[in-house]
Amino acid sequence: MKINTFIATVGAGGQSAVQSDVSSHSPSVRLVTSSEQVPEGKSAKNRLHFDLKPHGRTRAEEVERALGLGARVIADHTRPDGGGWVLMADPEGNEFCVERGELG
């Protein structure tokens, strides 16, 4: 699954929404993206990095949902006060962060 497909799926609550405003599909994440698929795999740091801020669910719930879609946790930077983020990677290794949502 390519990063834009994966991120769009996370934001669309499981529906693929590549090259569209996924906020129209789900209130979970507002993300507007359009990108080009390339045949080469990731060989260096991302040129584009997504920070997802969940709406209607907690950061922990969003992380669990992303894990269920094939992501993995790289590092948990959650602070004792609830701030911070969780650094994750999609199935191809493209990194993104899940920030604290409106529910925590």
PDB file of N, CA and C in Angstrom:
ATOM      1  N   MET A   1       0.853  -1.170   0.000  1.00  0.00           N
ATOM      2  CA  MET A   1       0.000   0.000   0.000  1.00  0.00           C
ATOM      3  C   MET A   1       0.899   1.233   0.000  1.00  0.00           C
ATOM      4  N   LYS A   2       0.763   2.132  -0.941  1.00  0.00           N
ATOM      5  CA  LYS A   2       1.569   3.339  -1.029  1.00  0.00           C
ATOM      6  C   LYS A   2       1.182   4.307   0.070  1.00  0.00           C
ATOM      7  N   ILE A   3       2.088   5.249   0.408  1.00  0.00           N
ATOM      8  CA  ILE A   3       1.828   6.146   1.538  1.00  0.00           C
ATOM      9  C   ILE A   3       0.541   6.937   1.369  1.00  0.00           C
ATOM     10  N   ASN A   4       0.287   7.474   0.182  1.00  0.00           N
ATOM     11  CA  ASN A   4      -0.934   8.261   0.056  1.00  0.00           C
ATOM     12  C   ASN A   4      -2.167   7.387   0.184  1.00  0.00           C
ATOM     13  N   THR A   5      -2.108   6.152  -0.278  1.00  0.00           N
ATOM     14  CA  THR A   5      -3.229   5.238  -0.105  1.00  0.00           C
ATOM     15  C   THR A   5      -3.383   4.873   1.361  1.00  0.00           C
ATOM     16  N   PHE A   6      -2.272   4.583   2.034  1.00  0.00           N
ATOM     17  CA  PHE A   6      -2.330   4.221   3.440  1.00  0.00           C
ATOM     18  C   PHE A   6      -2.850   5.378   4.281  1.00  0.00           C
ATOM     19  N   ILE A   7      -2.271   6.562   4.126  1.00  0.00           N
ATOM     20  CA  ILE A   7      -2.698   7.720   4.911  1.00  0.00           C
ATOM     21  C   ILE A   7      -4.147   8.065   4.599  1.00  0.00           C
ATOM     22  N   ALA A   8      -4.527   7.997   3.339  1.00  0.00           N
ATOM     23  CA  ALA A   8      -5.920   8.274   2.990  1.00  0.00           C
ATOM     24  C   ALA A   8      -6.846   7.252   3.621  1.00  0.00           C
ATOM     25  N   THR A   9      -6.420   5.990   3.684  1.00  0.00           N
ATOM     26  CA  THR A   9      -7.240   4.959   4.314  1.00  0.00           C
ATOM     27  C   THR A   9      -7.369   5.208   5.808  1.00  0.00           C
ATOM     28  N   VAL A  10      -6.281   5.608   6.456  1.00  0.00           N
ATOM     29  CA  VAL A  10      -6.343   5.949   7.875  1.00  0.00           C
ATOM     30  C   VAL A  10      -7.339   7.086   8.073  1.00  0.00           C
ATOM     31  N   GLY A  11      -7.233   8.120   7.259  1.00  0.00           N
ATOM     32  CA  GLY A  11      -8.114   9.272   7.395  1.00  0.00           C
ATOM     33  C   GLY A  11      -9.544   9.021   6.982  1.00  0.00           C
ATOM     34  N   ALA A  12      -9.760   8.039   6.140  1.00  0.00           N
ATOM     35  CA  ALA A  12     -11.109   7.790   5.635  1.00  0.00           C
ATOM     36  C   ALA A  12     -11.813   6.677   6.388  1.00  0.00           C
ATOM     37  N   GLY A  13     -11.287   6.274   7.514  1.00  0.00           N
ATOM     38  CA  GLY A  13     -11.957   5.250   8.300  1.00  0.00           C
ATOM     39  C   GLY A  13     -12.024   3.905   7.606  1.00  0.00           C
ATOM     40  N   GLY A  14     -11.018   3.599   6.775  1.00  0.00           N
ATOM     41  CA  GLY A  14     -10.973   2.297   6.122  1.00  0.00           C
ATOM     42  C   GLY A  14     -11.348   2.339   4.651  1.00  0.00           C
ATOM     43  N   GLN A  15     -11.858   3.470   4.170  1.00  0.00           N
ATOM     44  CA  GLN A  15     -12.196   3.597   2.754  1.00  0.00           C
ATOM     45  C   GLN A  15     -11.022   4.248   2.041  1.00  0.00           C
ATOM     46  N   SER A  16     -10.666   3.781   0.870  1.00  0.00           N
ATOM     47  CA  SER A  16      -9.595   4.411   0.118  1.00  0.00           C
ATOM     48  C   SER A  16     -10.085   5.741  -0.422  1.00  0.00           C
ATOM     49  N   ALA A  17      -9.283   6.770  -0.236  1.00  0.00           N
ATOM     50  CA  ALA A  17      -9.692   8.107  -0.666  1.00  0.00           C
ATOM     51  C   ALA A  17      -8.511   8.867  -1.248  1.00  0.00           C
ATOM     52  N   VAL A  18      -7.701   8.196  -2.046  1.00  0.00           N
ATOM     53  CA  VAL A  18      -6.515   8.807  -2.611  1.00  0.00           C
ATOM     54  C   VAL A  18      -6.899   9.986  -3.494  1.00  0.00           C
ATOM     55  N   GLN A  19      -6.114  11.049  -3.386  1.00  0.00           N
ATOM     56  CA  GLN A  19      -6.278  12.262  -4.166  1.00  0.00           C
ATOM     57  C   GLN A  19      -7.641  12.922  -3.929  1.00  0.00           C
ATOM     58  N   SER A  20      -8.097  12.861  -2.693  1.00  0.00           N
ATOM     59  CA  SER A  20      -9.329  13.549  -2.353  1.00  0.00           C
ATOM     60  C   SER A  20      -9.244  14.064  -0.941  1.00  0.00           C
ATOM     61  N   ASP A  21     -10.190  14.882  -0.570  1.00  0.00           N
ATOM     62  CA  ASP A  21     -10.272  15.403   0.779  1.00  0.00           C
ATOM     63  C   ASP A  21     -10.931  14.320   1.620  1.00  0.00           C
ATOM     64  N   VAL A  22     -10.141  13.609   2.427  1.00  0.00           N
ATOM     65  CA  VAL A  22     -10.687  12.488   3.175  1.00  0.00           C
ATOM     66  C   VAL A  22     -11.599  12.936   4.302  1.00  0.00           C
ATOM     67  N   SER A  23     -11.598  14.224   4.633  1.00  0.00           N
ATOM     68  CA  SER A  23     -12.487  14.688   5.696  1.00  0.00           C
ATOM     69  C   SER A  23     -13.946  14.530   5.287  1.00  0.00           C
ATOM     70  N   SER A  24     -14.220  14.421   3.997  1.00  0.00           N
ATOM     71  CA  SER A  24     -15.591  14.218   3.554  1.00  0.00           C
ATOM     72  C   SER A  24     -16.066  12.793   3.825  1.00  0.00           C
ATOM     73  N   HIS A  25     -15.110  11.869   4.064  1.00  0.00           N
ATOM     74  CA  HIS A  25     -15.448  10.472   4.321  1.00  0.00           C
ATOM     75  C   HIS A  25     -15.555  10.163   5.811  1.00  0.00           C
ATOM     76  N   SER A  26     -14.813  10.877   6.616  1.00  0.00           N
ATOM     77  CA  SER A  26     -14.742  10.571   8.039  1.00  0.00           C
ATOM     78  C   SER A  26     -14.246  11.799   8.781  1.00  0.00           C
ATOM     79  N   PRO A  27     -14.756  12.046   9.967  1.00  0.00           N
ATOM     80  CA  PRO A  27     -14.250  13.175  10.743  1.00  0.00           C
ATOM     81  C   PRO A  27     -12.953  12.852  11.473  1.00  0.00           C
ATOM     82  N   SER A  28     -12.366  11.663  11.239  1.00  0.00           N
ATOM     83  CA  SER A  28     -11.212  11.251  12.031  1.00  0.00           C
ATOM     84  C   SER A  28      -9.961  12.068  11.754  1.00  0.00           C
ATOM     85  N   VAL A  29      -9.704  12.416  10.514  1.00  0.00           N
ATOM     86  CA  VAL A  29      -8.489  13.137  10.151  1.00  0.00           C
ATOM     87  C   VAL A  29      -8.787  14.042   8.972  1.00  0.00           C
ATOM     88  N   ARG A  30      -8.343  15.288   9.034  1.00  0.00           N
ATOM     89  CA  ARG A  30      -8.483  16.180   7.884  1.00  0.00           C
ATOM     90  C   ARG A  30      -7.179  16.135   7.114  1.00  0.00           C
ATOM     91  N   LEU A  31      -7.243  15.694   5.885  1.00  0.00           N
ATOM     92  CA  LEU A  31      -6.063  15.545   5.048  1.00  0.00           C
ATOM     93  C   LEU A  31      -6.464  15.749   3.602  1.00  0.00           C
ATOM     94  N   VAL A  32      -5.804  16.674   2.950  1.00  0.00           N
ATOM     95  CA  VAL A  32      -6.015  16.876   1.523  1.00  0.00           C
ATOM     96  C   VAL A  32      -4.677  16.589   0.867  1.00  0.00           C
ATOM     97  N   THR A  33      -4.670  15.633  -0.035  1.00  0.00           N
ATOM     98  CA  THR A  33      -3.404  15.241  -0.644  1.00  0.00           C
ATOM     99  C   THR A  33      -3.598  14.819  -2.090  1.00  0.00           C
ATOM    100  N   SER A  34      -2.578  15.017  -2.857  1.00  0.00           N
ATOM    101  CA  SER A  34      -2.518  14.509  -4.216  1.00  0.00           C
ATOM    102  C   SER A  34      -1.052  14.222  -4.489  1.00  0.00           C
ATOM    103  N   SER A  35      -0.750  13.023  -4.896  1.00  0.00           N
ATOM    104  CA  SER A  35       0.636  12.686  -5.167  1.00  0.00           C
ATOM    105  C   SER A  35       0.716  11.687  -6.303  1.00  0.00           C
ATOM    106  N   GLU A  36       1.908  11.507  -6.777  1.00  0.00           N
ATOM    107  CA  GLU A  36       2.136  10.628  -7.915  1.00  0.00           C
ATOM    108  C   GLU A  36       2.772   9.328  -7.448  1.00  0.00           C
ATOM    109  N   GLN A  37       2.265   8.203  -7.921  1.00  0.00           N
ATOM    110  CA  GLN A  37       2.859   6.905  -7.614  1.00  0.00           C
ATOM    111  C   GLN A  37       4.123   6.731  -8.454  1.00  0.00           C
ATOM    112  N   VAL A  38       5.171   6.192  -7.842  1.00  0.00           N
ATOM    113  CA  VAL A  38       6.418   5.923  -8.561  1.00  0.00           C
ATOM    114  C   VAL A  38       6.799   4.466  -8.331  1.00  0.00           C
ATOM    115  N   PRO A  39       7.497   3.861  -9.282  1.00  0.00           N
ATOM    116  CA  PRO A  39       7.841   2.445  -9.143  1.00  0.00           C
ATOM    117  C   PRO A  39       8.952   2.173  -8.134  1.00  0.00           C
ATOM    118  N   GLU A  40       9.763   3.196  -7.804  1.00  0.00           N
ATOM    119  CA  GLU A  40      10.881   2.992  -6.893  1.00  0.00           C
ATOM    120  C   GLU A  40      10.398   2.917  -5.449  1.00  0.00           C
ATOM    121  N   GLY A  41      11.073   2.096  -4.653  1.00  0.00           N
ATOM    122  CA  GLY A  41      10.793   2.032  -3.223  1.00  0.00           C
ATOM    123  C   GLY A  41      11.450   3.181  -2.495  1.00  0.00           C
ATOM    124  N   LYS A  42      11.139   3.309  -1.221  1.00  0.00           N
ATOM    125  CA  LYS A  42      11.727   4.366  -0.396  1.00  0.00           C
ATOM    126  C   LYS A  42      13.210   4.080  -0.206  1.00  0.00           C
ATOM    127  N   SER A  43      14.054   5.086  -0.459  1.00  0.00           N
ATOM    128  CA  SER A  43      15.489   4.891  -0.302  1.00  0.00           C
ATOM    129  C   SER A  43      16.117   5.930   0.616  1.00  0.00           C
ATOM    130  N   ALA A  44      15.348   6.919   1.039  1.00  0.00           N
ATOM    131  CA  ALA A  44      15.878   7.973   1.900  1.00  0.00           C
ATOM    132  C   ALA A  44      14.736   8.533   2.751  1.00  0.00           C
ATOM    133  N   LYS A  45      15.042   9.582   3.497  1.00  0.00           N
ATOM    134  CA  LYS A  45      14.037  10.228   4.343  1.00  0.00           C
ATOM    135  C   LYS A  45      12.860  10.709   3.494  1.00  0.00           C
ATOM    136  N   ASN A  46      11.666  10.668   4.080  1.00  0.00           N
ATOM    137  CA  ASN A  46      10.472  11.121   3.363  1.00  0.00           C
ATOM    138  C   ASN A  46      10.625  12.555   2.879  1.00  0.00           C
ATOM    139  N   ARG A  47      10.106  12.839   1.719  1.00  0.00           N
ATOM    140  CA  ARG A  47      10.056  14.210   1.233  1.00  0.00           C
ATOM    141  C   ARG A  47       8.827  14.917   1.784  1.00  0.00           C
ATOM    142  N   LEU A  48       7.860  14.139   2.179  1.00  0.00           N
ATOM    143  CA  LEU A  48       6.615  14.659   2.716  1.00  0.00           C
ATOM    144  C   LEU A  48       6.303  13.873   3.974  1.00  0.00           C
ATOM    145  N   HIS A  49       5.977  14.579   5.051  1.00  0.00           N
ATOM    146  CA  HIS A  49       5.700  13.918   6.324  1.00  0.00           C
ATOM    147  C   HIS A  49       4.316  14.339   6.784  1.00  0.00           C
ATOM    148  N   PHE A  50       3.501  13.372   7.188  1.00  0.00           N
ATOM    149  CA  PHE A  50       2.153  13.653   7.653  1.00  0.00           C
ATOM    150  C   PHE A  50       2.106  13.608   9.175  1.00  0.00           C
ATOM    151  N   ASP A  51       1.456  14.587   9.772  1.00  0.00           N
ATOM    152  CA  ASP A  51       1.111  14.566  11.186  1.00  0.00           C
ATOM    153  C   ASP A  51      -0.398  14.451  11.245  1.00  0.00           C
ATOM    154  N   LEU A  52      -0.894  13.370  11.812  1.00  0.00           N
ATOM    155  CA  LEU A  52      -2.326  13.141  11.895  1.00  0.00           C
ATOM    156  C   LEU A  52      -2.820  13.543  13.278  1.00  0.00           C
ATOM    157  N   LYS A  53      -3.895  14.305  13.323  1.00  0.00           N
ATOM    158  CA  LYS A  53      -4.513  14.697  14.582  1.00  0.00           C
ATOM    159  C   LYS A  53      -5.927  14.137  14.581  1.00  0.00           C
ATOM    160  N   PRO A  54      -6.164  13.065  15.339  1.00  0.00           N
ATOM    161  CA  PRO A  54      -7.473  12.409  15.302  1.00  0.00           C
ATOM    162  C   PRO A  54      -8.590  13.278  15.869  1.00  0.00           C
ATOM    163  N   HIS A  55      -9.752  13.132  15.297  1.00  0.00           N
ATOM    164  CA  HIS A  55     -10.963  13.802  15.765  1.00  0.00           C
ATOM    165  C   HIS A  55     -11.990  12.721  16.082  1.00  0.00           C
ATOM    166  N   GLY A  56     -12.616  12.824  17.228  1.00  0.00           N
ATOM    167  CA  GLY A  56     -13.624  11.842  17.593  1.00  0.00           C
ATOM    168  C   GLY A  56     -13.063  10.565  18.183  1.00  0.00           C
ATOM    169  N   ARG A  57     -11.758  10.536  18.396  1.00  0.00           N
ATOM    170  CA  ARG A  57     -11.113   9.382  19.034  1.00  0.00           C
ATOM    171  C   ARG A  57      -9.815   9.863  19.663  1.00  0.00           C
ATOM    172  N   THR A  58      -9.272   9.050  20.528  1.00  0.00           N
ATOM    173  CA  THR A  58      -8.016   9.391  21.184  1.00  0.00           C
ATOM    174  C   THR A  58      -6.831   9.041  20.296  1.00  0.00           C
ATOM    175  N   ARG A  59      -5.666   9.540  20.667  1.00  0.00           N
ATOM    176  CA  ARG A  59      -4.442   9.176  19.944  1.00  0.00           C
ATOM    177  C   ARG A  59      -4.245   7.663  20.028  1.00  0.00           C
ATOM    178  N   ALA A  60      -4.445   7.082  21.218  1.00  0.00           N
ATOM    179  CA  ALA A  60      -4.258   5.635  21.378  1.00  0.00           C
ATOM    180  C   ALA A  60      -5.194   4.855  20.461  1.00  0.00           C
ATOM    181  N   GLU A  61      -6.437   5.297  20.332  1.00  0.00           N
ATOM    182  CA  GLU A  61      -7.379   4.618  19.432  1.00  0.00           C
ATOM    183  C   GLU A  61      -6.936   4.746  17.982  1.00  0.00           C
ATOM    184  N   GLU A  62      -6.427   5.915  17.605  1.00  0.00           N
ATOM    185  CA  GLU A  62      -5.952   6.117  16.227  1.00  0.00           C
ATOM    186  C   GLU A  62      -4.724   5.257  15.950  1.00  0.00           C
ATOM    187  N   VAL A  63      -3.820   5.164  16.920  1.00  0.00           N
ATOM    188  CA  VAL A  63      -2.632   4.311  16.763  1.00  0.00           C
ATOM    189  C   VAL A  63      -3.066   2.857  16.591  1.00  0.00           C
ATOM    190  N   GLU A  64      -4.003   2.387  17.404  1.00  0.00           N
ATOM    191  CA  GLU A  64      -4.488   1.008  17.283  1.00  0.00           C
ATOM    192  C   GLU A  64      -5.131   0.766  15.920  1.00  0.00           C
ATOM    193  N   ARG A  65      -5.874   1.753  15.431  1.00  0.00           N
ATOM    194  CA  ARG A  65      -6.510   1.625  14.110  1.00  0.00           C
ATOM    195  C   ARG A  65      -5.457   1.541  13.019  1.00  0.00           C
ATOM    196  N   ALA A  66      -4.421   2.392  13.107  1.00  0.00           N
ATOM    197  CA  ALA A  66      -3.340   2.361  12.114  1.00  0.00           C
ATOM    198  C   ALA A  66      -2.586   1.032  12.175  1.00  0.00           C
ATOM    199  N   LEU A  67      -2.357   0.517  13.382  1.00  0.00           N
ATOM    200  CA  LEU A  67      -1.708  -0.795  13.517  1.00  0.00           C
ATOM    201  C   LEU A  67      -2.531  -1.871  12.826  1.00  0.00           C
ATOM    202  N   GLY A  68      -3.841  -1.791  12.966  1.00  0.00           N
ATOM    203  CA  GLY A  68      -4.730  -2.755  12.321  1.00  0.00           C
ATOM    204  C   GLY A  68      -4.694  -2.679  10.804  1.00  0.00           C
ATOM    205  N   LEU A  69      -4.278  -1.527  10.285  1.00  0.00           N
ATOM    206  CA  LEU A  69      -4.163  -1.350   8.839  1.00  0.00           C
ATOM    207  C   LEU A  69      -2.769  -1.708   8.322  1.00  0.00           C
ATOM    208  N   GLY A  70      -1.878  -2.148   9.220  1.00  0.00           N
ATOM    209  CA  GLY A  70      -0.557  -2.593   8.797  1.00  0.00           C
ATOM    210  C   GLY A  70       0.592  -1.684   9.171  1.00  0.00           C
ATOM    211  N   ALA A  71       0.327  -0.588   9.867  1.00  0.00           N
ATOM    212  CA  ALA A  71       1.407   0.299  10.294  1.00  0.00           C
ATOM    213  C   ALA A  71       2.163  -0.331  11.461  1.00  0.00           C
ATOM    214  N   ARG A  72       3.300   0.270  11.808  1.00  0.00           N
ATOM    215  CA  ARG A  72       4.042  -0.164  12.987  1.00  0.00           C
ATOM    216  C   ARG A  72       4.510   1.072  13.745  1.00  0.00           C
ATOM    217  N   VAL A  73       4.678   0.932  15.044  1.00  0.00           N
ATOM    218  CA  VAL A  73       5.172   2.020  15.879  1.00  0.00           C
ATOM    219  C   VAL A  73       6.689   2.022  15.825  1.00  0.00           C
ATOM    220  N   ILE A  74       7.260   3.189  15.550  1.00  0.00           N
ATOM    221  CA  ILE A  74       8.708   3.354  15.566  1.00  0.00           C
ATOM    222  C   ILE A  74       9.142   3.884  16.929  1.00  0.00           C
ATOM    223  N   ALA A  75       8.440   4.911  17.429  1.00  0.00           N
ATOM    224  CA  ALA A  75       8.787   5.508  18.729  1.00  0.00           C
ATOM    225  C   ALA A  75       7.562   6.201  19.297  1.00  0.00           C
ATOM    226  N   ASP A  76       7.381   6.067  20.593  1.00  0.00           N
ATOM    227  CA  ASP A  76       6.277   6.720  21.293  1.00  0.00           C
ATOM    228  C   ASP A  76       6.841   7.897  22.065  1.00  0.00           C
ATOM    229  N   HIS A  77       6.484   9.107  21.637  1.00  0.00           N
ATOM    230  CA  HIS A  77       6.962  10.338  22.264  1.00  0.00           C
ATOM    231  C   HIS A  77       5.855  10.983  23.094  1.00  0.00           C
ATOM    232  N   THR A  78       4.961  10.167  23.636  1.00  0.00           N
ATOM    233  CA  THR A  78       3.886  10.674  24.477  1.00  0.00           C
ATOM    234  C   THR A  78       4.484  11.147  25.799  1.00  0.00           C
ATOM    235  N   ARG A  79       4.137  12.376  26.196  1.00  0.00           N
ATOM    236  CA  ARG A  79       4.633  12.944  27.447  1.00  0.00           C
ATOM    237  C   ARG A  79       3.659  12.662  28.585  1.00  0.00           C
ATOM    238  N   PRO A  80       4.123  12.736  29.817  1.00  0.00           N
ATOM    239  CA  PRO A  80       3.243  12.502  30.968  1.00  0.00           C
ATOM    240  C   PRO A  80       2.013  13.415  31.001  1.00  0.00           C
ATOM    241  N   ASP A  81       2.133  14.632  30.441  1.00  0.00           N
ATOM    242  CA  ASP A  81       0.990  15.553  30.434  1.00  0.00           C
ATOM    243  C   ASP A  81       0.000  15.258  29.307  1.00  0.00           C
ATOM    244  N   GLY A  82       0.270  14.212  28.511  1.00  0.00           N
ATOM    245  CA  GLY A  82      -0.623  13.833  27.420  1.00  0.00           C
ATOM    246  C   GLY A  82      -0.237  14.417  26.077  1.00  0.00           C
ATOM    247  N   GLY A  83       0.683  15.353  26.064  1.00  0.00           N
ATOM    248  CA  GLY A  83       1.155  15.923  24.802  1.00  0.00           C
ATOM    249  C   GLY A  83       2.052  14.942  24.079  1.00  0.00           C
ATOM    250  N   GLY A  84       2.659  15.401  23.011  1.00  0.00           N
ATOM    251  CA  GLY A  84       3.585  14.576  22.258  1.00  0.00           C
ATOM    252  C   GLY A  84       2.937  13.891  21.067  1.00  0.00           C
ATOM    253  N   TRP A  85       3.574  12.826  20.606  1.00  0.00           N
ATOM    254  CA  TRP A  85       3.130  12.148  19.398  1.00  0.00           C
ATOM    255  C   TRP A  85       3.657  10.722  19.390  1.00  0.00           C
ATOM    256  N   VAL A  86       3.127   9.917  18.472  1.00  0.00           N
ATOM    257  CA  VAL A  86       3.630   8.574  18.230  1.00  0.00           C
ATOM    258  C   VAL A  86       4.123   8.538  16.791  1.00  0.00           C
ATOM    259  N   LEU A  87       5.394   8.212  16.616  1.00  0.00           N
ATOM    260  CA  LEU A  87       5.990   8.088  15.282  1.00  0.00           C
ATOM    261  C   LEU A  87       5.707   6.687  14.778  1.00  0.00           C
ATOM    262  N   MET A  88       5.106   6.608  13.590  1.00  0.00           N
ATOM    263  CA  MET A  88       4.729   5.328  12.997  1.00  0.00           C
ATOM    264  C   MET A  88       5.258   5.235  11.579  1.00  0.00           C
ATOM    265  N   ALA A  89       5.171   4.057  11.004  1.00  0.00           N
ATOM    266  CA  ALA A  89       5.535   3.850   9.600  1.00  0.00           C
ATOM    267  C   ALA A  89       4.456   3.002   8.952  1.00  0.00           C
ATOM    268  N   ASP A  90       4.144   3.329   7.712  1.00  0.00           N
ATOM    269  CA  ASP A  90       3.177   2.517   6.964  1.00  0.00           C
ATOM    270  C   ASP A  90       3.867   1.213   6.550  1.00  0.00           C
ATOM    271  N   PRO A  91       3.163   0.301   5.898  1.00  0.00           N
ATOM    272  CA  PRO A  91       3.765  -0.993   5.540  1.00  0.00           C
ATOM    273  C   PRO A  91       5.019  -0.893   4.670  1.00  0.00           C
ATOM    274  N   GLU A  92       5.218   0.227   3.969  1.00  0.00           N
ATOM    275  CA  GLU A  92       6.411   0.387   3.130  1.00  0.00           C
ATOM    276  C   GLU A  92       7.517   1.170   3.819  1.00  0.00           C
ATOM    277  N   GLY A  93       7.299   1.573   5.073  1.00  0.00           N
ATOM    278  CA  GLY A  93       8.333   2.284   5.814  1.00  0.00           C
ATOM    279  C   GLY A  93       8.217   3.793   5.793  1.00  0.00           C
ATOM    280  N   ASN A  94       7.202   4.352   5.138  1.00  0.00           N
ATOM    281  CA  ASN A  94       7.007   5.791   5.114  1.00  0.00           C
ATOM    282  C   ASN A  94       6.513   6.246   6.484  1.00  0.00           C
ATOM    283  N   GLU A  95       7.191   7.213   7.063  1.00  0.00           N
ATOM    284  CA  GLU A  95       6.899   7.634   8.426  1.00  0.00           C
ATOM    285  C   GLU A  95       5.805   8.692   8.493  1.00  0.00           C
ATOM    286  N   PHE A  96       5.050   8.644   9.579  1.00  0.00           N
ATOM    287  CA  PHE A  96       4.035   9.655   9.879  1.00  0.00           C
ATOM    288  C   PHE A  96       3.854   9.680  11.379  1.00  0.00           C
ATOM    289  N   CYS A  97       3.282  10.760  11.899  1.00  0.00           N
ATOM    290  CA  CYS A  97       3.060  10.907  13.332  1.00  0.00           C
ATOM    291  C   CYS A  97       1.586  10.984  13.638  1.00  0.00           C
ATOM    292  N   VAL A  98       1.209  10.457  14.787  1.00  0.00           N
ATOM    293  CA  VAL A  98      -0.147  10.600  15.286  1.00  0.00           C
ATOM    294  C   VAL A  98      -0.043  11.482  16.527  1.00  0.00           C
ATOM    295  N   GLU A  99      -0.651  12.660  16.434  1.00  0.00           N
ATOM    296  CA  GLU A  99      -0.627  13.605  17.539  1.00  0.00           C
ATOM    297  C   GLU A  99      -1.793  13.354  18.481  1.00  0.00           C
ATOM    298  N   ARG A 100      -1.799  14.084  19.567  1.00  0.00           N
ATOM    299  CA  ARG A 100      -2.906  13.999  20.517  1.00  0.00           C
ATOM    300  C   ARG A 100      -4.165  14.512  19.832  1.00  0.00           C
ATOM    301  N   GLY A 101      -5.246  13.776  19.960  1.00  0.00           N
ATOM    302  CA  GLY A 101      -6.507  14.179  19.365  1.00  0.00           C
ATOM    303  C   GLY A 101      -7.348  15.015  20.315  1.00  0.00           C
ATOM    304  N   GLU A 102      -8.500  15.416  19.856  1.00  0.00           N
ATOM    305  CA  GLU A 102      -9.389  16.240  20.671  1.00  0.00           C
ATOM    306  C   GLU A 102      -9.890  15.496  21.907  1.00  0.00           C
ATOM    307  N   LEU A 103      -9.872  14.165  21.868  1.00  0.00           N
ATOM    308  CA  LEU A 103     -10.316  13.366  23.016  1.00  0.00           C
ATOM    309  C   LEU A 103      -9.149  12.868  23.857  1.00  0.00           C
ATOM    310  N   GLY A 104      -7.956  13.255  23.502  1.00  0.00           N
ATOM    311  CA  GLY A 104      -6.775  12.851  24.283  1.00  0.00           C
ATOM    312  C   GLY A 104      -5.763  12.100  23.496  1.00  0.00           C
TER     313      GLY A 104
END
